[in-house]
Amino acid sequence: MREKRTAIFLRLMMILFLFGLMNLVGAQAKPKAKSGEGEEKAWTKEKREGQKSETPPGWEKGLKKGWEKLTPPGWNKKDKKERKEWQKKLARVKKQIKTKAKKKKWNAENCERASIALEFAVRRGMPASQAGNVIGECIGKGLTGEETLLVGIVLSEGVEKGTNFETMGSRVVEKIRAGYKGKKLAREIRFMIDTDYKTRKEVKEKKMEKLLNKEEFKQEKKEEKLERPVSKGSGGGGRGRGKK
């Protein structure tokens, strides 16, 4: 029995080790942003410590230098053609956003905030089309330039949590149409991103638990088969009793 428990324990540790190794490899595969890295770390620390700041540190005094050089995850794996296409798409969507903001009689400062909201989210890793839909909706529904900038910043947080922006973008648009704005909208977006992340994590853990249970069951069956006593056939003895 003790050997059986040891074998199951070793299998469990091996599966957990492989699972951890996969996560480690995935984390190392993500390209690190050279510019603005310290600023983002400080922002993450502020959120972890429960501070009320809704924007990255220093943004109240103007944008910190370097964010314009951020590149989305997987940038190092893109070839020159793919990078050029990404830049063209970003420029095209930015132009659409500025045009829409000008039609709404936004001043130059607020037009720039909308443009930054879009570009910041896209450079962090959000697809340009989804970011354009959300920022465009902010403009159309009368959010201020500052509120629109906040939406772009908060949405970008979903990148590191593996958010599906195709569905998340639609859900955020629904919230904007329902009248959400300002910090209320920012909190709602963060809540949706965090909830989705926790749900996916729980699903992954349940799959892992199911896999472990399956491995344990296989091991038990294997050991039962090995421990089962081999019954000796009576055929040999019967052949020795021939008729006289």
C-alpha atoms as a PDB file:
ATOM      1  CA  MET A   1       0.000   0.000   0.000  1.00  0.00           C
ATOM      2  CA  ARG A   2       2.857   2.309   0.855  1.00  0.00           C
ATOM      3  CA  GLU A   3       4.508   1.628  -2.513  1.00  0.00           C
ATOM      4  CA  LYS A   4       1.205   2.370  -4.223  1.00  0.00           C
ATOM      5  CA  ARG A   5       0.908   5.776  -2.553  1.00  0.00           C
ATOM      6  CA  THR A   6       4.535   6.569  -3.386  1.00  0.00           C
ATOM      7  CA  ALA A   7       3.980   5.745  -7.066  1.00  0.00           C
ATOM      8  CA  ILE A   8       0.866   7.966  -7.243  1.00  0.00           C
ATOM      9  CA  PHE A   9       2.687  10.775  -5.457  1.00  0.00           C
ATOM     10  CA  LEU A  10       5.604  10.588  -7.908  1.00  0.00           C
ATOM     11  CA  ARG A  11       3.240  10.683 -10.878  1.00  0.00           C
ATOM     12  CA  LEU A  12       1.463  13.692  -9.373  1.00  0.00           C
ATOM     13  CA  MET A  13       4.742  15.542  -8.861  1.00  0.00           C
ATOM     14  CA  MET A  14       5.848  14.760 -12.420  1.00  0.00           C
ATOM     15  CA  ILE A  15       2.607  16.150 -13.920  1.00  0.00           C
ATOM     16  CA  LEU A  16       2.805  19.290 -11.761  1.00  0.00           C
ATOM     17  CA  PHE A  17       6.447  19.739 -12.790  1.00  0.00           C
ATOM     18  CA  LEU A  18       5.568  19.476 -16.495  1.00  0.00           C
ATOM     19  CA  PHE A  19       2.649  21.886 -16.033  1.00  0.00           C
ATOM     20  CA  GLY A  20       4.919  24.419 -14.312  1.00  0.00           C
ATOM     21  CA  LEU A  21       7.570  23.996 -16.998  1.00  0.00           C
ATOM     22  CA  MET A  22       5.019  24.755 -19.722  1.00  0.00           C
ATOM     23  CA  ASN A  23       3.982  27.969 -17.956  1.00  0.00           C
ATOM     24  CA  LEU A  24       7.629  28.958 -17.526  1.00  0.00           C
ATOM     25  CA  VAL A  25       8.403  28.408 -21.205  1.00  0.00           C
ATOM     26  CA  GLY A  26       5.326  30.437 -22.171  1.00  0.00           C
ATOM     27  CA  ALA A  27       6.374  33.310 -19.914  1.00  0.00           C
ATOM     28  CA  GLN A  28       9.911  33.330 -21.322  1.00  0.00           C
ATOM     29  CA  ALA A  29       8.551  33.353 -24.867  1.00  0.00           C
ATOM     30  CA  LYS A  30       6.860  36.713 -24.286  1.00  0.00           C
ATOM     31  CA  PRO A  31       9.041  39.587 -25.499  1.00  0.00           C
ATOM     32  CA  LYS A  32       9.990  42.104 -22.853  1.00  0.00           C
ATOM     33  CA  ALA A  33       9.281  45.741 -23.517  1.00  0.00           C
ATOM     34  CA  LYS A  34      12.516  47.675 -23.340  1.00  0.00           C
ATOM     35  CA  SER A  35      10.898  51.082 -23.091  1.00  0.00           C
ATOM     36  CA  GLY A  36       8.517  52.041 -20.294  1.00  0.00           C
ATOM     37  CA  GLU A  37       9.177  48.748 -18.480  1.00  0.00           C
ATOM     38  CA  GLY A  38       9.998  50.387 -15.139  1.00  0.00           C
ATOM     39  CA  GLU A  39       6.926  52.586 -15.364  1.00  0.00           C
ATOM     40  CA  GLU A  40       4.618  49.609 -15.964  1.00  0.00           C
ATOM     41  CA  LYS A  41       6.164  47.721 -13.045  1.00  0.00           C
ATOM     42  CA  ALA A  42       5.466  50.695 -10.793  1.00  0.00           C
ATOM     43  CA  TRP A  43       1.880  50.810 -12.038  1.00  0.00           C
ATOM     44  CA  THR A  44       1.403  47.108 -11.327  1.00  0.00           C
ATOM     45  CA  LYS A  45       2.844  47.606  -7.822  1.00  0.00           C
ATOM     46  CA  GLU A  46       0.415  50.455  -7.151  1.00  0.00           C
ATOM     47  CA  LYS A  47      -2.559  48.304  -8.145  1.00  0.00           C
ATOM     48  CA  ARG A  48      -1.279  45.423  -6.008  1.00  0.00           C
ATOM     49  CA  GLU A  49      -1.008  47.682  -2.973  1.00  0.00           C
ATOM     50  CA  GLY A  50      -4.594  48.841  -3.420  1.00  0.00           C
ATOM     51  CA  GLN A  51      -3.905  52.459  -4.320  1.00  0.00           C
ATOM     52  CA  LYS A  52      -6.692  54.429  -5.968  1.00  0.00           C
ATOM     53  CA  SER A  53      -4.683  55.513  -9.017  1.00  0.00           C
ATOM     54  CA  GLU A  54      -6.651  54.781 -12.200  1.00  0.00           C
ATOM     55  CA  THR A  55      -3.783  55.686 -14.541  1.00  0.00           C
ATOM     56  CA  PRO A  56      -0.081  54.831 -14.673  1.00  0.00           C
ATOM     57  CA  PRO A  57       2.171  56.925 -12.392  1.00  0.00           C
ATOM     58  CA  GLY A  58       3.136  60.313 -13.758  1.00  0.00           C
ATOM     59  CA  TRP A  59       0.393  60.491 -16.402  1.00  0.00           C
ATOM     60  CA  GLU A  60      -1.298  63.373 -14.610  1.00  0.00           C
ATOM     61  CA  LYS A  61       1.709  65.525 -15.563  1.00  0.00           C
ATOM     62  CA  GLY A  62       1.755  64.321 -19.150  1.00  0.00           C
ATOM     63  CA  LEU A  63       2.794  61.129 -20.890  1.00  0.00           C
ATOM     64  CA  LYS A  64       6.083  59.563 -19.883  1.00  0.00           C
ATOM     65  CA  LYS A  65       8.558  59.169 -22.697  1.00  0.00           C
ATOM     66  CA  GLY A  66       9.005  55.735 -24.216  1.00  0.00           C
ATOM     67  CA  TRP A  67       5.469  54.318 -24.385  1.00  0.00           C
ATOM     68  CA  GLU A  68       5.378  55.030 -28.139  1.00  0.00           C
ATOM     69  CA  LYS A  69       8.108  52.411 -28.613  1.00  0.00           C
ATOM     70  CA  LEU A  70       6.199  49.580 -26.940  1.00  0.00           C
ATOM     71  CA  THR A  71       5.561  46.589 -29.199  1.00  0.00           C
ATOM     72  CA  PRO A  72       2.878  43.894 -28.816  1.00  0.00           C
ATOM     73  CA  PRO A  73       3.619  40.307 -27.688  1.00  0.00           C
ATOM     74  CA  GLY A  74       5.141  38.199 -30.461  1.00  0.00           C
ATOM     75  CA  TRP A  75       6.746  41.200 -32.172  1.00  0.00           C
ATOM     76  CA  ASN A  76      10.143  39.484 -32.383  1.00  0.00           C
ATOM     77  CA  LYS A  77       8.559  36.605 -34.306  1.00  0.00           C
ATOM     78  CA  LYS A  78       7.029  38.874 -36.953  1.00  0.00           C
ATOM     79  CA  ASP A  79       8.898  39.390 -40.208  1.00  0.00           C
ATOM     80  CA  LYS A  80       9.352  42.800 -41.857  1.00  0.00           C
ATOM     81  CA  LYS A  81       6.193  42.433 -43.941  1.00  0.00           C
ATOM     82  CA  GLU A  82       4.036  41.573 -40.920  1.00  0.00           C
ATOM     83  CA  ARG A  83       5.467  44.467 -38.902  1.00  0.00           C
ATOM     84  CA  LYS A  84       4.791  46.876 -41.755  1.00  0.00           C
ATOM     85  CA  GLU A  85       1.194  45.634 -42.049  1.00  0.00           C
ATOM     86  CA  TRP A  86       0.710  46.086 -38.286  1.00  0.00           C
ATOM     87  CA  GLN A  87       2.008  49.674 -38.469  1.00  0.00           C
ATOM     88  CA  LYS A  88      -0.211  50.460 -41.464  1.00  0.00           C
ATOM     89  CA  LYS A  89      -3.292  49.113 -39.707  1.00  0.00           C
ATOM     90  CA  LEU A  90      -2.523  51.107 -36.552  1.00  0.00           C
ATOM     91  CA  ALA A  91      -2.045  54.301 -38.593  1.00  0.00           C
ATOM     92  CA  ARG A  92      -5.302  53.680 -40.516  1.00  0.00           C
ATOM     93  CA  VAL A  93      -7.386  53.126 -37.367  1.00  0.00           C
ATOM     94  CA  LYS A  94      -5.778  56.146 -35.648  1.00  0.00           C
ATOM     95  CA  LYS A  95      -6.786  58.299 -38.597  1.00  0.00           C
ATOM     96  CA  GLN A  96     -10.379  57.003 -38.379  1.00  0.00           C
ATOM     97  CA  ILE A  97     -10.510  57.794 -34.654  1.00  0.00           C
ATOM     98  CA  LYS A  98      -9.179  61.334 -35.118  1.00  0.00           C
ATOM     99  CA  THR A  99     -11.687  61.954 -37.925  1.00  0.00           C
ATOM    100  CA  LYS A 100     -14.574  60.770 -35.763  1.00  0.00           C
ATOM    101  CA  ALA A 101     -13.417  62.905 -32.821  1.00  0.00           C
ATOM    102  CA  LYS A 102     -13.190  66.006 -35.033  1.00  0.00           C
ATOM    103  CA  LYS A 103     -16.729  65.404 -36.335  1.00  0.00           C
ATOM    104  CA  LYS A 104     -17.873  65.437 -32.704  1.00  0.00           C
ATOM    105  CA  LYS A 105     -16.230  68.864 -32.349  1.00  0.00           C
ATOM    106  CA  TRP A 106     -13.529  67.604 -29.986  1.00  0.00           C
ATOM    107  CA  ASN A 107     -10.666  70.005 -29.462  1.00  0.00           C
ATOM    108  CA  ALA A 108      -7.084  69.100 -30.381  1.00  0.00           C
ATOM    109  CA  GLU A 109      -6.229  67.959 -26.829  1.00  0.00           C
ATOM    110  CA  ASN A 110      -9.128  65.517 -26.583  1.00  0.00           C
ATOM    111  CA  CYS A 111      -8.517  64.248 -30.125  1.00  0.00           C
ATOM    112  CA  GLU A 112      -4.953  63.470 -29.052  1.00  0.00           C
ATOM    113  CA  ARG A 113      -6.184  61.652 -25.934  1.00  0.00           C
ATOM    114  CA  ALA A 114      -8.456  59.445 -28.044  1.00  0.00           C
ATOM    115  CA  SER A 115      -5.565  58.715 -30.397  1.00  0.00           C
ATOM    116  CA  ILE A 116      -3.303  57.831 -27.467  1.00  0.00           C
ATOM    117  CA  ALA A 117      -5.995  55.601 -25.914  1.00  0.00           C
ATOM    118  CA  LEU A 118      -6.110  53.596 -29.124  1.00  0.00           C
ATOM    119  CA  GLU A 119      -2.375  53.414 -29.759  1.00  0.00           C
ATOM    120  CA  PHE A 120      -1.472  52.547 -26.164  1.00  0.00           C
ATOM    121  CA  ALA A 121      -3.916  49.619 -26.101  1.00  0.00           C
ATOM    122  CA  VAL A 122      -2.739  48.365 -29.507  1.00  0.00           C
ATOM    123  CA  ARG A 123       0.942  48.637 -28.598  1.00  0.00           C
ATOM    124  CA  ARG A 124       0.285  46.641 -25.447  1.00  0.00           C
ATOM    125  CA  GLY A 125      -1.232  43.882 -27.599  1.00  0.00           C
ATOM    126  CA  MET A 126      -4.919  44.595 -28.210  1.00  0.00           C
ATOM    127  CA  PRO A 127      -5.948  44.079 -31.876  1.00  0.00           C
ATOM    128  CA  ALA A 128      -6.328  47.430 -33.656  1.00  0.00           C
ATOM    129  CA  SER A 129      -9.804  46.650 -35.010  1.00  0.00           C
ATOM    130  CA  GLN A 130     -11.232  45.841 -31.561  1.00  0.00           C
ATOM    131  CA  ALA A 131      -9.518  48.831 -29.955  1.00  0.00           C
ATOM    132  CA  GLY A 132     -10.877  51.068 -32.719  1.00  0.00           C
ATOM    133  CA  ASN A 133     -14.436  49.827 -32.149  1.00  0.00           C
ATOM    134  CA  VAL A 134     -14.292  50.544 -28.414  1.00  0.00           C
ATOM    135  CA  ILE A 135     -12.594  53.961 -28.658  1.00  0.00           C
ATOM    136  CA  GLY A 136     -14.934  54.924 -31.495  1.00  0.00           C
ATOM    137  CA  GLU A 137     -17.906  54.025 -29.299  1.00  0.00           C
ATOM    138  CA  CYS A 138     -16.504  56.185 -26.483  1.00  0.00           C
ATOM    139  CA  ILE A 139     -16.403  59.143 -28.855  1.00  0.00           C
ATOM    140  CA  GLY A 140     -19.853  58.434 -30.277  1.00  0.00           C
ATOM    141  CA  LYS A 141     -21.503  58.167 -26.851  1.00  0.00           C
ATOM    142  CA  GLY A 142     -20.059  61.417 -25.568  1.00  0.00           C
ATOM    143  CA  LEU A 143     -17.341  60.272 -23.161  1.00  0.00           C
ATOM    144  CA  THR A 144     -14.676  62.885 -22.493  1.00  0.00           C
ATOM    145  CA  GLY A 145     -11.141  62.641 -23.822  1.00  0.00           C
ATOM    146  CA  GLU A 146      -9.876  61.766 -20.326  1.00  0.00           C
ATOM    147  CA  GLU A 147     -12.511  59.026 -19.919  1.00  0.00           C
ATOM    148  CA  THR A 148     -11.632  57.613 -23.348  1.00  0.00           C
ATOM    149  CA  LEU A 149      -7.937  57.561 -22.448  1.00  0.00           C
ATOM    150  CA  LEU A 150      -8.776  55.686 -19.254  1.00  0.00           C
ATOM    151  CA  VAL A 151     -10.720  53.055 -21.240  1.00  0.00           C
ATOM    152  CA  GLY A 152      -7.716  52.409 -23.484  1.00  0.00           C
ATOM    153  CA  ILE A 153      -5.374  52.055 -20.506  1.00  0.00           C
ATOM    154  CA  VAL A 154      -7.635  49.678 -18.574  1.00  0.00           C
ATOM    155  CA  LEU A 155      -8.405  47.536 -21.630  1.00  0.00           C
ATOM    156  CA  SER A 156      -4.681  47.041 -22.216  1.00  0.00           C
ATOM    157  CA  GLU A 157      -4.455  45.282 -18.831  1.00  0.00           C
ATOM    158  CA  GLY A 158      -6.260  42.332 -20.390  1.00  0.00           C
ATOM    159  CA  VAL A 159      -3.293  41.507 -22.617  1.00  0.00           C
ATOM    160  CA  GLU A 160      -1.197  39.935 -19.851  1.00  0.00           C
ATOM    161  CA  LYS A 161      -4.261  37.994 -18.677  1.00  0.00           C
ATOM    162  CA  GLY A 162      -4.974  36.435 -22.064  1.00  0.00           C
ATOM    163  CA  THR A 163      -8.248  38.295 -22.634  1.00  0.00           C
ATOM    164  CA  ASN A 164     -10.256  37.427 -25.736  1.00  0.00           C
ATOM    165  CA  PHE A 165     -10.641  40.966 -27.076  1.00  0.00           C
ATOM    166  CA  GLU A 166     -13.138  39.986 -29.759  1.00  0.00           C
ATOM    167  CA  THR A 167     -15.743  39.179 -27.105  1.00  0.00           C
ATOM    168  CA  MET A 168     -14.422  41.640 -24.497  1.00  0.00           C
ATOM    169  CA  GLY A 169     -14.611  44.517 -26.977  1.00  0.00           C
ATOM    170  CA  SER A 170     -18.269  43.751 -27.669  1.00  0.00           C
ATOM    171  CA  ARG A 171     -19.045  43.572 -23.941  1.00  0.00           C
ATOM    172  CA  VAL A 172     -17.347  46.911 -23.280  1.00  0.00           C
ATOM    173  CA  VAL A 173     -19.298  48.525 -26.131  1.00  0.00           C
ATOM    174  CA  GLU A 174     -22.511  47.221 -24.522  1.00  0.00           C
ATOM    175  CA  LYS A 175     -21.523  48.797 -21.201  1.00  0.00           C
ATOM    176  CA  ILE A 176     -20.807  52.137 -22.886  1.00  0.00           C
ATOM    177  CA  ARG A 177     -24.196  52.025 -24.617  1.00  0.00           C
ATOM    178  CA  ALA A 178     -25.796  51.252 -21.260  1.00  0.00           C
ATOM    179  CA  GLY A 179     -24.460  54.540 -19.895  1.00  0.00           C
ATOM    180  CA  TYR A 180     -21.257  53.441 -18.147  1.00  0.00           C
ATOM    181  CA  LYS A 181     -18.505  56.072 -18.156  1.00  0.00           C
ATOM    182  CA  GLY A 182     -15.517  57.364 -16.195  1.00  0.00           C
ATOM    183  CA  LYS A 183     -14.215  55.353 -13.246  1.00  0.00           C
ATOM    184  CA  LYS A 184     -17.403  53.287 -13.113  1.00  0.00           C
ATOM    185  CA  LEU A 185     -16.716  52.023 -16.628  1.00  0.00           C
ATOM    186  CA  ALA A 186     -13.029  51.440 -15.805  1.00  0.00           C
ATOM    187  CA  ARG A 187     -13.949  49.356 -12.741  1.00  0.00           C
ATOM    188  CA  GLU A 188     -16.474  47.348 -14.780  1.00  0.00           C
ATOM    189  CA  ILE A 189     -13.882  46.586 -17.479  1.00  0.00           C
ATOM    190  CA  ARG A 190     -11.348  45.468 -14.862  1.00  0.00           C
ATOM    191  CA  PHE A 191     -13.999  43.305 -13.203  1.00  0.00           C
ATOM    192  CA  MET A 192     -14.847  41.587 -16.511  1.00  0.00           C
ATOM    193  CA  ILE A 193     -11.172  41.018 -17.344  1.00  0.00           C
ATOM    194  CA  ASP A 194     -10.412  39.594 -13.887  1.00  0.00           C
ATOM    195  CA  THR A 195     -13.548  37.411 -13.847  1.00  0.00           C
ATOM    196  CA  ASP A 196     -12.738  35.916 -17.259  1.00  0.00           C
ATOM    197  CA  TYR A 197      -9.167  35.258 -16.170  1.00  0.00           C
ATOM    198  CA  LYS A 198     -10.250  33.495 -12.961  1.00  0.00           C
ATOM    199  CA  THR A 199     -12.811  31.418 -14.861  1.00  0.00           C
ATOM    200  CA  ARG A 200     -10.228  30.232 -17.408  1.00  0.00           C
ATOM    201  CA  LYS A 201      -7.819  29.438 -14.581  1.00  0.00           C
ATOM    202  CA  GLU A 202     -10.439  27.353 -12.754  1.00  0.00           C
ATOM    203  CA  VAL A 203     -11.254  25.449 -15.952  1.00  0.00           C
ATOM    204  CA  LYS A 204      -7.563  24.694 -16.462  1.00  0.00           C
ATOM    205  CA  GLU A 205      -7.213  23.503 -12.853  1.00  0.00           C
ATOM    206  CA  LYS A 206     -10.258  21.230 -13.213  1.00  0.00           C
ATOM    207  CA  LYS A 207      -8.763  19.707 -16.371  1.00  0.00           C
ATOM    208  CA  MET A 208      -5.523  19.106 -14.503  1.00  0.00           C
ATOM    209  CA  GLU A 209      -7.406  17.507 -11.601  1.00  0.00           C
ATOM    210  CA  LYS A 210      -9.313  15.281 -14.011  1.00  0.00           C
ATOM    211  CA  LEU A 211      -6.027  14.236 -15.632  1.00  0.00           C
ATOM    212  CA  LEU A 212      -4.513  13.405 -12.245  1.00  0.00           C
ATOM    213  CA  ASN A 213      -7.555  11.344 -11.251  1.00  0.00           C
ATOM    214  CA  LYS A 214      -7.318   9.474 -14.539  1.00  0.00           C
ATOM    215  CA  GLU A 215      -3.637   8.731 -13.929  1.00  0.00           C
ATOM    216  CA  GLU A 216      -4.375   7.530 -10.400  1.00  0.00           C
ATOM    217  CA  PHE A 217      -7.137   5.246 -11.695  1.00  0.00           C
ATOM    218  CA  LYS A 218      -4.809   3.730 -14.305  1.00  0.00           C
ATOM    219  CA  GLN A 219      -2.141   3.186 -11.669  1.00  0.00           C
ATOM    220  CA  GLU A 220      -4.607   1.498  -9.307  1.00  0.00           C
ATOM    221  CA  LYS A 221      -5.831  -0.849 -12.038  1.00  0.00           C
ATOM    222  CA  LYS A 222      -2.270  -1.687 -12.993  1.00  0.00           C
ATOM    223  CA  GLU A 223      -1.311  -2.462  -9.402  1.00  0.00           C
ATOM    224  CA  GLU A 224      -4.476  -4.514  -8.818  1.00  0.00           C
ATOM    225  CA  LYS A 225      -3.582  -6.622 -11.824  1.00  0.00           C
ATOM    226  CA  LEU A 226      -0.042  -7.166 -10.512  1.00  0.00           C
ATOM    227  CA  GLU A 227      -1.238  -7.991  -6.983  1.00  0.00           C
ATOM    228  CA  ARG A 228      -3.968 -10.422  -8.128  1.00  0.00           C
ATOM    229  CA  PRO A 229      -2.912 -14.025  -7.257  1.00  0.00           C
ATOM    230  CA  VAL A 230      -2.418 -16.302 -10.240  1.00  0.00           C
ATOM    231  CA  SER A 231      -4.813 -19.280 -10.007  1.00  0.00           C
ATOM    232  CA  LYS A 232      -3.307 -22.636 -10.874  1.00  0.00           C
ATOM    233  CA  GLY A 233      -5.287 -24.625 -13.399  1.00  0.00           C
ATOM    234  CA  SER A 234      -6.590 -28.048 -12.494  1.00  0.00           C
ATOM    235  CA  GLY A 235      -6.144 -29.377 -16.006  1.00  0.00           C
ATOM    236  CA  GLY A 236      -2.688 -30.848 -15.353  1.00  0.00           C
ATOM    237  CA  GLY A 237      -3.844 -32.862 -12.334  1.00  0.00           C
ATOM    238  CA  GLY A 238      -6.881 -34.154 -14.201  1.00  0.00           C
ATOM    239  CA  ARG A 239      -4.766 -35.505 -17.006  1.00  0.00           C
ATOM    240  CA  GLY A 240      -2.795 -37.559 -14.443  1.00  0.00           C
ATOM    241  CA  ARG A 241      -5.964 -39.505 -13.489  1.00  0.00           C
ATOM    242  CA  GLY A 242      -6.518 -41.671 -16.474  1.00  0.00           C
ATOM    243  CA  LYS A 243      -9.028 -44.518 -16.651  1.00  0.00           C
ATOM    244  CA  LYS A 244      -7.813 -47.872 -15.397  1.00  0.00           C
END
